[in-house]
Amino acid sequence: MNEEQLKHMLRSGQHIGSHGDNHYWWNSLNEKEMSQELDLSISFLEKIGVDMNNWTACYPYGSYDDQSIKMLEERGCKLAVTTETDIGTTNKDKRFIMPRLDTNHIPKDKNQSTEKWYEKG
């Protein structure tokens, strides 16, 4: 996806959030690398016109740690989603470790069965 496509999505009402600048595993970065990764991503979001009063993040590969959560919060991120499969609920204390449903959990055609993500083991 290129910049113009992202800007078009924004103009059409789509939410665009951070996924890092280089798609690194955030839980493997030292403080300096993580800071640079976030700052470059934030600069890009600003450049394409994202509302930075309400910016969000999605952890690359689901990778996060205390450092990445702290840095997101320090930079004004509102929430971040993990790769944990579940319905996201609004909980201020857990807003940086929200589960989500991915498009991979939606059947691709009418004959495909629905993934039973909602059945707890």
Foldseek 3Di string as FASTA:
>chain_A
DDLVVVLVCVVVPHADAFAWDPLDQLQVDDLVVLLVRVVVRVVSCVVSPHPLQAHEYEYRVQHDDPSNVVSCVVSNYQAYEGCQADPFDDDNVHRHYTYYHDPVQPDPDPPDDGDVSVDDD
